[in-house]
Amino acid sequence: FFNSMKMKLSVIIGIIQMTVGICLKGLNALYFEEQLDFFFEFIPMLIFDMAFFGYMVVLIFMKWMIDWDARMYSATCNSDHDLYPKCLDGTYTTADMCPLDYGGSGDGCQPPNLITTLMNMALMPGTVDEPLYPGQAGIQVVLLLLAVACVPVILLAKPLMIRSRMNAEHGNANGSFSENPLIDEKDGYGVVVDHGNQGGGGHGEGGGHGEGGGHEEEHDFSEIVIH
């Protein structure tokens, strides 16, 4: 009992710590007016966190609050059951005996293994062998879809927006470059944009600027994706 309690408490504390870190990122984005960080990093990160890890914490507390002795008693063959004494022949399963009708083999009367439940949430969507509450399978499918949808947003939305902004600024500049290679142009984005080499350096001998511009832009975008 104590090992199980310590494990669950460590999971809860770890998830709380992770969630606080994500919230601090959102507060920093608001304070520094970094719109891309707030909408395309903080919000999808928080949704992903709640859809998987926050849901895990909810399941842990639900499992603690449910009276499993009463549920399991209602699914056993005893004099208080409606199927007594027909159930004495041993042909009735837990799902047949359980009055809750939540689905799965446990039907809501069997305490679930939460690790298995969360693994099956991703590996077997829409299937819950030992449900805690009615409609659990459908809710887990919705949470899984939300989490999956957040992944490309977290990875690609901000870099693509920055690349689009850089291309637009490059087109407006008509090939002109700043004397400072690193110009802090946040404008609500919090991104340092590299417009090129120092004053005229990009116009190297033999028209080197035209040949190297594409590689430089590609290199800048790769750095944006990494960071």
C-alpha atoms as a PDB file:
ATOM      1  CA  PHE A   1       0.000   0.000   0.000  1.00  0.00           C
ATOM      2  CA  PHE A   2       2.704   2.498   0.955  1.00  0.00           C
ATOM      3  CA  ASN A   3       4.774   1.785  -2.175  1.00  0.00           C
ATOM      4  CA  SER A   4       1.716   2.379  -4.354  1.00  0.00           C
ATOM      5  CA  MET A   5       0.901   5.565  -2.451  1.00  0.00           C
ATOM      6  CA  LYS A   6       4.451   6.899  -2.774  1.00  0.00           C
ATOM      7  CA  MET A   7       4.511   6.151  -6.485  1.00  0.00           C
ATOM      8  CA  LYS A   8       1.212   7.944  -7.115  1.00  0.00           C
ATOM      9  CA  LEU A   9       2.222  10.935  -4.980  1.00  0.00           C
ATOM     10  CA  SER A  10       5.518  11.269  -6.849  1.00  0.00           C
ATOM     11  CA  VAL A  11       3.626  11.209 -10.153  1.00  0.00           C
ATOM     12  CA  ILE A  12       1.210  13.891  -8.934  1.00  0.00           C
ATOM     13  CA  ILE A  13       4.016  16.130  -7.635  1.00  0.00           C
ATOM     14  CA  GLY A  14       6.001  15.721 -10.863  1.00  0.00           C
ATOM     15  CA  ILE A  15       2.994  16.603 -13.038  1.00  0.00           C
ATOM     16  CA  ILE A  16       2.193  19.628 -10.856  1.00  0.00           C
ATOM     17  CA  GLN A  17       5.776  20.819 -11.196  1.00  0.00           C
ATOM     18  CA  MET A  18       5.680  20.383 -14.974  1.00  0.00           C
ATOM     19  CA  THR A  19       2.360  22.219 -15.220  1.00  0.00           C
ATOM     20  CA  VAL A  20       3.672  25.113 -13.121  1.00  0.00           C
ATOM     21  CA  GLY A  21       6.653  25.380 -15.488  1.00  0.00           C
ATOM     22  CA  ILE A  22       4.332  25.569 -18.490  1.00  0.00           C
ATOM     23  CA  CYS A  23       2.226  28.235 -16.767  1.00  0.00           C
ATOM     24  CA  LEU A  24       5.365  30.271 -16.019  1.00  0.00           C
ATOM     25  CA  LYS A  25       6.210  30.106 -19.719  1.00  0.00           C
ATOM     26  CA  GLY A  26       2.783  31.521 -20.496  1.00  0.00           C
ATOM     27  CA  LEU A  27       3.196  34.317 -17.951  1.00  0.00           C
ATOM     28  CA  ASN A  28       6.590  35.203 -19.427  1.00  0.00           C
ATOM     29  CA  ALA A  29       5.074  35.296 -22.898  1.00  0.00           C
ATOM     30  CA  LEU A  30       2.372  37.679 -21.686  1.00  0.00           C
ATOM     31  CA  TYR A  31       4.838  39.883 -19.817  1.00  0.00           C
ATOM     32  CA  PHE A  32       7.230  40.203 -22.770  1.00  0.00           C
ATOM     33  CA  GLU A  33       4.321  40.386 -25.250  1.00  0.00           C
ATOM     34  CA  GLU A  34       5.546  37.379 -27.212  1.00  0.00           C
ATOM     35  CA  GLN A  35       2.411  36.444 -29.103  1.00  0.00           C
ATOM     36  CA  LEU A  36       3.867  33.465 -30.961  1.00  0.00           C
ATOM     37  CA  ASP A  37       5.160  31.906 -27.756  1.00  0.00           C
ATOM     38  CA  PHE A  38       1.805  32.328 -26.042  1.00  0.00           C
ATOM     39  CA  PHE A  39      -0.518  31.085 -28.802  1.00  0.00           C
ATOM     40  CA  PHE A  40       1.669  28.469 -30.499  1.00  0.00           C
ATOM     41  CA  GLU A  41       3.706  27.125 -27.583  1.00  0.00           C
ATOM     42  CA  PHE A  42       2.074  27.803 -24.223  1.00  0.00           C
ATOM     43  CA  ILE A  43      -1.540  27.024 -25.148  1.00  0.00           C
ATOM     44  CA  PRO A  44      -0.880  23.764 -27.074  1.00  0.00           C
ATOM     45  CA  MET A  45       1.642  22.660 -24.425  1.00  0.00           C
ATOM     46  CA  LEU A  46      -0.948  23.201 -21.701  1.00  0.00           C
ATOM     47  CA  ILE A  47      -3.606  21.320 -23.676  1.00  0.00           C
ATOM     48  CA  PHE A  48      -1.208  18.416 -24.299  1.00  0.00           C
ATOM     49  CA  ASP A  49      -0.207  18.386 -20.643  1.00  0.00           C
ATOM     50  CA  MET A  50      -3.798  18.328 -19.405  1.00  0.00           C
ATOM     51  CA  ALA A  51      -4.976  15.800 -21.999  1.00  0.00           C
ATOM     52  CA  PHE A  52      -2.447  13.184 -20.887  1.00  0.00           C
ATOM     53  CA  PHE A  53      -0.794  13.981 -17.583  1.00  0.00           C
ATOM     54  CA  GLY A  54      -3.567  16.061 -16.038  1.00  0.00           C
ATOM     55  CA  TYR A  55      -6.004  13.310 -16.959  1.00  0.00           C
ATOM     56  CA  MET A  56      -3.726  10.817 -15.208  1.00  0.00           C
ATOM     57  CA  VAL A  57      -3.960  12.842 -11.986  1.00  0.00           C
ATOM     58  CA  VAL A  58      -7.752  12.944 -12.294  1.00  0.00           C
ATOM     59  CA  LEU A  59      -7.858   9.162 -12.670  1.00  0.00           C
ATOM     60  CA  ILE A  60      -5.624   8.710  -9.620  1.00  0.00           C
ATOM     61  CA  PHE A  61      -7.922  10.807  -7.423  1.00  0.00           C
ATOM     62  CA  MET A  62     -11.024   9.118  -8.819  1.00  0.00           C
ATOM     63  CA  LYS A  63      -9.592   5.705  -8.026  1.00  0.00           C
ATOM     64  CA  TRP A  64      -8.830   6.845  -4.478  1.00  0.00           C
ATOM     65  CA  MET A  65     -12.350   8.206  -3.900  1.00  0.00           C
ATOM     66  CA  ILE A  66     -14.303   5.217  -5.220  1.00  0.00           C
ATOM     67  CA  ASP A  67     -15.468   2.595  -2.715  1.00  0.00           C
ATOM     68  CA  TRP A  68     -14.122  -0.451  -4.503  1.00  0.00           C
ATOM     69  CA  ASP A  69     -15.198  -2.826  -1.758  1.00  0.00           C
ATOM     70  CA  ALA A  70     -18.815  -1.881  -2.368  1.00  0.00           C
ATOM     71  CA  ARG A  71     -18.450  -2.106  -6.133  1.00  0.00           C
ATOM     72  CA  MET A  72     -16.749  -5.482  -6.033  1.00  0.00           C
ATOM     73  CA  TYR A  73     -19.318  -6.767  -3.556  1.00  0.00           C
ATOM     74  CA  SER A  74     -22.093  -5.775  -5.958  1.00  0.00           C
ATOM     75  CA  ALA A  75     -20.404  -7.873  -8.663  1.00  0.00           C
ATOM     76  CA  THR A  76     -20.027 -11.043  -6.561  1.00  0.00           C
ATOM     77  CA  CYS A  77     -22.532 -13.819  -6.113  1.00  0.00           C
ATOM     78  CA  ASN A  78     -24.135 -13.240  -2.720  1.00  0.00           C
ATOM     79  CA  SER A  79     -27.570 -13.242  -1.159  1.00  0.00           C
ATOM     80  CA  ASP A  80     -27.989  -9.528  -1.866  1.00  0.00           C
ATOM     81  CA  HIS A  81     -27.535  -9.906  -5.618  1.00  0.00           C
ATOM     82  CA  ASP A  82     -30.493 -10.129  -7.992  1.00  0.00           C
ATOM     83  CA  LEU A  83     -28.973 -13.156  -9.759  1.00  0.00           C
ATOM     84  CA  TYR A  84     -28.658 -15.171  -6.562  1.00  0.00           C
ATOM     85  CA  PRO A  85     -28.820 -18.196  -6.422  1.00  0.00           C
ATOM     86  CA  LYS A  86     -28.513 -18.680 -10.206  1.00  0.00           C
ATOM     87  CA  CYS A  87     -25.006 -17.153 -10.098  1.00  0.00           C
ATOM     88  CA  LEU A  88     -23.752 -20.002  -7.939  1.00  0.00           C
ATOM     89  CA  ASP A  89     -23.180 -22.162 -11.022  1.00  0.00           C
ATOM     90  CA  GLY A  90     -20.093 -20.035 -11.882  1.00  0.00           C
ATOM     91  CA  THR A  91     -21.142 -19.136 -15.434  1.00  0.00           C
ATOM     92  CA  TYR A  92     -21.569 -15.416 -14.723  1.00  0.00           C
ATOM     93  CA  THR A  93     -18.637 -13.071 -15.259  1.00  0.00           C
ATOM     94  CA  THR A  94     -17.844  -9.850 -13.399  1.00  0.00           C
ATOM     95  CA  ALA A  95     -19.360  -7.852 -16.260  1.00  0.00           C
ATOM     96  CA  ASP A  96     -22.561  -9.912 -16.012  1.00  0.00           C
ATOM     97  CA  MET A  97     -22.818  -9.420 -12.269  1.00  0.00           C
ATOM     98  CA  CYS A  98     -21.848  -5.739 -12.105  1.00  0.00           C
ATOM     99  CA  PRO A  99     -24.909  -3.442 -12.018  1.00  0.00           C
ATOM    100  CA  LEU A 100     -23.033  -0.360 -13.297  1.00  0.00           C
ATOM    101  CA  ASP A 101     -22.789  -1.352 -16.983  1.00  0.00           C
ATOM    102  CA  TYR A 102     -19.786   0.883 -17.823  1.00  0.00           C
ATOM    103  CA  GLY A 103     -18.433  -1.557 -20.412  1.00  0.00           C
ATOM    104  CA  GLY A 104     -15.265  -3.649 -20.649  1.00  0.00           C
ATOM    105  CA  SER A 105     -14.497  -6.797 -18.727  1.00  0.00           C
ATOM    106  CA  GLY A 106     -14.709  -5.026 -15.361  1.00  0.00           C
ATOM    107  CA  ASP A 107     -17.888  -3.099 -16.206  1.00  0.00           C
ATOM    108  CA  GLY A 108     -16.950  -0.508 -13.566  1.00  0.00           C
ATOM    109  CA  CYS A 109     -16.789  -2.923 -10.628  1.00  0.00           C
ATOM    110  CA  GLN A 110     -13.131  -3.935 -11.033  1.00  0.00           C
ATOM    111  CA  PRO A 111     -10.374  -1.525  -9.893  1.00  0.00           C
ATOM    112  CA  PRO A 112      -8.280  -0.655 -12.955  1.00  0.00           C
ATOM    113  CA  ASN A 113      -4.540  -0.589 -13.511  1.00  0.00           C
ATOM    114  CA  LEU A 114      -4.012   3.078 -14.357  1.00  0.00           C
ATOM    115  CA  ILE A 115      -0.740   2.489 -16.219  1.00  0.00           C
ATOM    116  CA  THR A 116      -2.484  -0.017 -18.492  1.00  0.00           C
ATOM    117  CA  THR A 117      -5.402   2.376 -18.910  1.00  0.00           C
ATOM    118  CA  LEU A 118      -3.149   5.218 -20.086  1.00  0.00           C
ATOM    119  CA  MET A 119      -1.113   2.957 -22.362  1.00  0.00           C
ATOM    120  CA  ASN A 120      -4.285   1.643 -23.992  1.00  0.00           C
ATOM    121  CA  MET A 121      -5.508   5.213 -24.353  1.00  0.00           C
ATOM    122  CA  ALA A 122      -2.814   5.701 -27.018  1.00  0.00           C
ATOM    123  CA  LEU A 123      -2.409   2.122 -28.268  1.00  0.00           C
ATOM    124  CA  MET A 124      -6.080   1.090 -28.371  1.00  0.00           C
ATOM    125  CA  PRO A 125      -8.212   4.246 -28.634  1.00  0.00           C
ATOM    126  CA  GLY A 126     -11.869   3.762 -27.774  1.00  0.00           C
ATOM    127  CA  THR A 127     -11.214   0.635 -25.698  1.00  0.00           C
ATOM    128  CA  VAL A 128     -11.295   0.620 -21.893  1.00  0.00           C
ATOM    129  CA  ASP A 129     -11.121  -2.790 -20.280  1.00  0.00           C
ATOM    130  CA  GLU A 130     -11.673  -1.615 -16.705  1.00  0.00           C
ATOM    131  CA  PRO A 131     -13.543   1.719 -16.784  1.00  0.00           C
ATOM    132  CA  LEU A 132     -13.868   4.034 -13.813  1.00  0.00           C
ATOM    133  CA  TYR A 133     -16.874   6.018 -15.028  1.00  0.00           C
ATOM    134  CA  PRO A 134     -19.472   5.865 -17.810  1.00  0.00           C
ATOM    135  CA  GLY A 135     -18.414   7.163 -21.223  1.00  0.00           C
ATOM    136  CA  GLN A 136     -14.714   6.869 -20.389  1.00  0.00           C
ATOM    137  CA  ALA A 137     -13.779   5.431 -23.789  1.00  0.00           C
ATOM    138  CA  GLY A 138     -15.272   8.355 -25.713  1.00  0.00           C
ATOM    139  CA  ILE A 139     -13.716  10.978 -23.435  1.00  0.00           C
ATOM    140  CA  GLN A 140     -10.277   9.388 -23.810  1.00  0.00           C
ATOM    141  CA  VAL A 141     -10.583   9.431 -27.606  1.00  0.00           C
ATOM    142  CA  VAL A 142     -11.338  13.170 -27.511  1.00  0.00           C
ATOM    143  CA  LEU A 143      -8.364  13.818 -25.201  1.00  0.00           C
ATOM    144  CA  LEU A 144      -6.091  11.763 -27.450  1.00  0.00           C
ATOM    145  CA  LEU A 145      -7.164  13.713 -30.544  1.00  0.00           C
ATOM    146  CA  LEU A 146      -6.522  17.009 -28.745  1.00  0.00           C
ATOM    147  CA  ALA A 147      -3.052  15.880 -27.679  1.00  0.00           C
ATOM    148  CA  VAL A 148      -2.140  14.625 -31.166  1.00  0.00           C
ATOM    149  CA  ALA A 149      -3.380  17.843 -32.764  1.00  0.00           C
ATOM    150  CA  CYS A 150      -1.174  19.900 -30.433  1.00  0.00           C
ATOM    151  CA  VAL A 151       2.070  18.182 -31.492  1.00  0.00           C
ATOM    152  CA  PRO A 152       2.440  19.723 -34.997  1.00  0.00           C
ATOM    153  CA  VAL A 153       1.347  23.098 -33.621  1.00  0.00           C
ATOM    154  CA  ILE A 154       4.085  23.013 -30.972  1.00  0.00           C
ATOM    155  CA  LEU A 155       6.772  21.887 -33.431  1.00  0.00           C
ATOM    156  CA  LEU A 156       5.925  23.769 -36.628  1.00  0.00           C
ATOM    157  CA  ALA A 157       3.550  26.688 -36.110  1.00  0.00           C
ATOM    158  CA  LYS A 158       6.009  29.183 -34.625  1.00  0.00           C
ATOM    159  CA  PRO A 159       8.925  28.377 -37.024  1.00  0.00           C
ATOM    160  CA  LEU A 160       6.621  28.646 -40.042  1.00  0.00           C
ATOM    161  CA  MET A 161       5.211  31.946 -38.840  1.00  0.00           C
ATOM    162  CA  ILE A 162       8.714  33.311 -38.253  1.00  0.00           C
ATOM    163  CA  ARG A 163       9.897  32.148 -41.676  1.00  0.00           C
ATOM    164  CA  SER A 164       6.907  33.793 -43.320  1.00  0.00           C
ATOM    165  CA  ARG A 165       7.628  37.017 -41.456  1.00  0.00           C
ATOM    166  CA  MET A 166      11.317  36.906 -42.399  1.00  0.00           C
ATOM    167  CA  ASN A 167      10.490  36.311 -46.071  1.00  0.00           C
ATOM    168  CA  ALA A 168       8.072  39.240 -46.033  1.00  0.00           C
ATOM    169  CA  GLU A 169      10.656  41.538 -44.453  1.00  0.00           C
ATOM    170  CA  HIS A 170      13.314  40.335 -46.866  1.00  0.00           C
ATOM    171  CA  GLY A 171      11.031  41.128 -49.797  1.00  0.00           C
ATOM    172  CA  ASN A 172      10.262  44.603 -48.450  1.00  0.00           C
ATOM    173  CA  ALA A 173      13.966  45.311 -47.991  1.00  0.00           C
ATOM    174  CA  ASN A 174      14.616  44.652 -51.727  1.00  0.00           C
ATOM    175  CA  GLY A 175      17.909  42.978 -51.027  1.00  0.00           C
ATOM    176  CA  SER A 176      19.258  45.614 -48.604  1.00  0.00           C
ATOM    177  CA  PHE A 177      21.038  44.453 -45.453  1.00  0.00           C
ATOM    178  CA  SER A 178      21.549  46.025 -42.078  1.00  0.00           C
ATOM    179  CA  GLU A 179      24.961  46.947 -40.798  1.00  0.00           C
ATOM    180  CA  ASN A 180      24.288  44.850 -37.697  1.00  0.00           C
ATOM    181  CA  PRO A 181      23.926  41.139 -38.430  1.00  0.00           C
ATOM    182  CA  LEU A 182      21.710  40.555 -35.417  1.00  0.00           C
ATOM    183  CA  ILE A 183      18.806  42.931 -35.029  1.00  0.00           C
ATOM    184  CA  ASP A 184      16.422  42.383 -32.140  1.00  0.00           C
ATOM    185  CA  GLU A 185      13.076  42.889 -33.830  1.00  0.00           C
ATOM    186  CA  LYS A 186      10.517  41.492 -31.436  1.00  0.00           C
ATOM    187  CA  ASP A 187       7.338  43.374 -32.329  1.00  0.00           C
ATOM    188  CA  GLY A 188       5.378  40.956 -30.180  1.00  0.00           C
ATOM    189  CA  TYR A 189       7.211  37.891 -31.433  1.00  0.00           C
ATOM    190  CA  GLY A 190      10.338  37.835 -29.280  1.00  0.00           C
ATOM    191  CA  VAL A 191      12.530  36.637 -32.147  1.00  0.00           C
ATOM    192  CA  VAL A 192      15.992  37.789 -33.144  1.00  0.00           C
ATOM    193  CA  VAL A 193      16.101  37.989 -36.936  1.00  0.00           C
ATOM    194  CA  ASP A 194      19.368  37.658 -38.870  1.00  0.00           C
ATOM    195  CA  HIS A 195      19.058  39.746 -42.025  1.00  0.00           C
ATOM    196  CA  GLY A 196      22.445  38.868 -43.450  1.00  0.00           C
ATOM    197  CA  ASN A 197      26.123  39.713 -43.195  1.00  0.00           C
ATOM    198  CA  GLN A 198      27.545  43.033 -42.075  1.00  0.00           C
ATOM    199  CA  GLY A 199      27.321  46.094 -44.307  1.00  0.00           C
ATOM    200  CA  GLY A 200      27.765  44.900 -47.840  1.00  0.00           C
ATOM    201  CA  GLY A 201      29.526  41.705 -46.830  1.00  0.00           C
ATOM    202  CA  GLY A 202      26.759  39.729 -48.423  1.00  0.00           C
ATOM    203  CA  HIS A 203      27.729  41.211 -51.804  1.00  0.00           C
ATOM    204  CA  GLY A 204      30.985  39.265 -51.885  1.00  0.00           C
ATOM    205  CA  GLU A 205      33.275  39.065 -54.853  1.00  0.00           C
ATOM    206  CA  GLY A 206      31.799  37.734 -58.054  1.00  0.00           C
ATOM    207  CA  GLY A 207      28.204  38.187 -56.906  1.00  0.00           C
ATOM    208  CA  GLY A 208      28.503  35.767 -53.988  1.00  0.00           C
ATOM    209  CA  HIS A 209      25.446  37.264 -52.345  1.00  0.00           C
ATOM    210  CA  GLY A 210      23.104  35.794 -54.931  1.00  0.00           C
ATOM    211  CA  GLU A 211      24.530  32.324 -54.557  1.00  0.00           C
ATOM    212  CA  GLY A 212      24.663  32.129 -50.793  1.00  0.00           C
ATOM    213  CA  GLY A 213      21.360  33.818 -49.925  1.00  0.00           C
ATOM    214  CA  GLY A 214      19.287  30.651 -50.154  1.00  0.00           C
ATOM    215  CA  HIS A 215      21.683  28.653 -47.974  1.00  0.00           C
ATOM    216  CA  GLU A 216      21.758  31.405 -45.374  1.00  0.00           C
ATOM    217  CA  GLU A 217      17.966  31.557 -45.228  1.00  0.00           C
ATOM    218  CA  GLU A 218      17.731  27.793 -44.939  1.00  0.00           C
ATOM    219  CA  HIS A 219      20.301  27.810 -42.151  1.00  0.00           C
ATOM    220  CA  ASP A 220      18.358  30.509 -40.309  1.00  0.00           C
ATOM    221  CA  PHE A 221      15.134  28.491 -40.534  1.00  0.00           C
ATOM    222  CA  SER A 222      16.838  25.345 -39.228  1.00  0.00           C
ATOM    223  CA  GLU A 223      18.091  27.300 -36.229  1.00  0.00           C
ATOM    224  CA  ILE A 224      14.589  28.614 -35.612  1.00  0.00           C
ATOM    225  CA  VAL A 225      13.158  25.086 -35.642  1.00  0.00           C
ATOM    226  CA  ILE A 226      15.846  23.826 -33.244  1.00  0.00           C
ATOM    227  CA  HIS A 227      15.353  26.646 -30.755  1.00  0.00           C
END
